Amino acid sequence: MHNLSKKMSRFLGIITLITASTNFYLEVIKDNSSSILALMTLVFMCILVIVQILEKSHEE
């Protein structure tokens, strides 16, 4: 049961990341002048998610 909840939390994290990236890409398409800022924010969010996943795997 514990293993299932771990997989579910990772799956939810991936869904959150995909949703966030989609939102950023839509913003980039709308306004090209902020594309660099959006890209930097997206990279920062990816790093945060990777760090969270690594911390979760270290807790196990």
C-alpha atoms as a PDB file:
ATOM      1  CA  MET A   1       0.000   0.000   0.000  1.00  0.00           C
ATOM      2  CA  HIS A   2       2.855   2.382   0.852  1.00  0.00           C
ATOM      3  CA  ASN A   3       4.502   1.659  -2.512  1.00  0.00           C
ATOM      4  CA  LEU A   4       1.267   2.546  -4.324  1.00  0.00           C
ATOM      5  CA  SER A   5       0.992   5.921  -2.595  1.00  0.00           C
ATOM      6  CA  LYS A   6       4.619   6.672  -3.513  1.00  0.00           C
ATOM      7  CA  LYS A   7       3.892   5.945  -7.177  1.00  0.00           C
ATOM      8  CA  MET A   8       0.720   8.053  -7.047  1.00  0.00           C
ATOM      9  CA  SER A   9       2.571  11.061  -5.599  1.00  0.00           C
ATOM     10  CA  ARG A  10       5.208  10.815  -8.346  1.00  0.00           C
ATOM     11  CA  PHE A  11       2.455  10.522 -10.968  1.00  0.00           C
ATOM     12  CA  LEU A  12       0.705  13.608  -9.557  1.00  0.00           C
ATOM     13  CA  GLY A  13       4.005  15.477  -9.606  1.00  0.00           C
ATOM     14  CA  ILE A  14       4.502  14.621 -13.279  1.00  0.00           C
ATOM     15  CA  ILE A  15       0.935  15.733 -14.097  1.00  0.00           C
ATOM     16  CA  THR A  16       1.547  19.019 -12.256  1.00  0.00           C
ATOM     17  CA  LEU A  17       4.773  19.563 -14.201  1.00  0.00           C
ATOM     18  CA  ILE A  18       3.072  18.864 -17.553  1.00  0.00           C
ATOM     19  CA  THR A  19       0.205  21.231 -16.695  1.00  0.00           C
ATOM     20  CA  ALA A  20       2.642  23.959 -15.656  1.00  0.00           C
ATOM     21  CA  SER A  21       4.713  23.539 -18.830  1.00  0.00           C
ATOM     22  CA  THR A  22       1.585  23.675 -21.000  1.00  0.00           C
ATOM     23  CA  ASN A  23       0.500  26.898 -19.292  1.00  0.00           C
ATOM     24  CA  PHE A  24       3.953  28.428 -19.834  1.00  0.00           C
ATOM     25  CA  TYR A  25       4.039  27.447 -23.509  1.00  0.00           C
ATOM     26  CA  LEU A  26       0.579  28.982 -24.027  1.00  0.00           C
ATOM     27  CA  GLU A  27       1.832  32.194 -22.408  1.00  0.00           C
ATOM     28  CA  VAL A  28       4.912  32.166 -24.674  1.00  0.00           C
ATOM     29  CA  ILE A  29       2.733  31.781 -27.772  1.00  0.00           C
ATOM     30  CA  LYS A  30       0.566  34.702 -26.612  1.00  0.00           C
ATOM     31  CA  ASP A  31       3.443  37.070 -25.865  1.00  0.00           C
ATOM     32  CA  ASN A  32       6.834  36.415 -27.457  1.00  0.00           C
ATOM     33  CA  SER A  33       8.560  39.241 -25.572  1.00  0.00           C
ATOM     34  CA  SER A  34       8.319  37.306 -22.295  1.00  0.00           C
ATOM     35  CA  SER A  35       9.468  33.989 -23.766  1.00  0.00           C
ATOM     36  CA  ILE A  36      12.909  34.152 -22.134  1.00  0.00           C
ATOM     37  CA  LEU A  37      11.359  34.838 -18.730  1.00  0.00           C
ATOM     38  CA  ALA A  38       8.844  32.019 -19.194  1.00  0.00           C
ATOM     39  CA  LEU A  39      11.590  29.615 -20.262  1.00  0.00           C
ATOM     40  CA  MET A  40      13.719  30.499 -17.227  1.00  0.00           C
ATOM     41  CA  THR A  41      10.735  30.027 -14.916  1.00  0.00           C
ATOM     42  CA  LEU A  42       9.975  26.674 -16.545  1.00  0.00           C
ATOM     43  CA  VAL A  43      13.570  25.493 -16.068  1.00  0.00           C
ATOM     44  CA  PHE A  44      13.463  26.642 -12.438  1.00  0.00           C
ATOM     45  CA  MET A  45      10.227  24.711 -11.850  1.00  0.00           C
ATOM     46  CA  CYS A  46      11.716  21.582 -13.458  1.00  0.00           C
ATOM     47  CA  ILE A  47      14.701  21.822 -11.100  1.00  0.00           C
ATOM     48  CA  LEU A  48      12.361  22.193  -8.110  1.00  0.00           C
ATOM     49  CA  VAL A  49      10.361  19.118  -9.127  1.00  0.00           C
ATOM     50  CA  ILE A  50      13.534  17.055  -9.655  1.00  0.00           C
ATOM     51  CA  VAL A  51      14.835  18.100  -6.232  1.00  0.00           C
ATOM     52  CA  GLN A  52      11.519  17.138  -4.603  1.00  0.00           C
ATOM     53  CA  ILE A  53      11.549  13.709  -6.290  1.00  0.00           C
ATOM     54  CA  LEU A  54      15.156  13.139  -5.173  1.00  0.00           C
ATOM     55  CA  GLU A  55      14.291  14.139  -1.594  1.00  0.00           C
ATOM     56  CA  LYS A  56      11.319  11.743  -1.592  1.00  0.00           C
ATOM     57  CA  SER A  57      13.474   8.870  -2.848  1.00  0.00           C
ATOM     58  CA  HIS A  58      16.098   9.606  -0.158  1.00  0.00           C
ATOM     59  CA  GLU A  59      13.420   9.532   2.573  1.00  0.00           C
ATOM     60  CA  GLU A  60      12.476   5.939   1.652  1.00  0.00           C
END
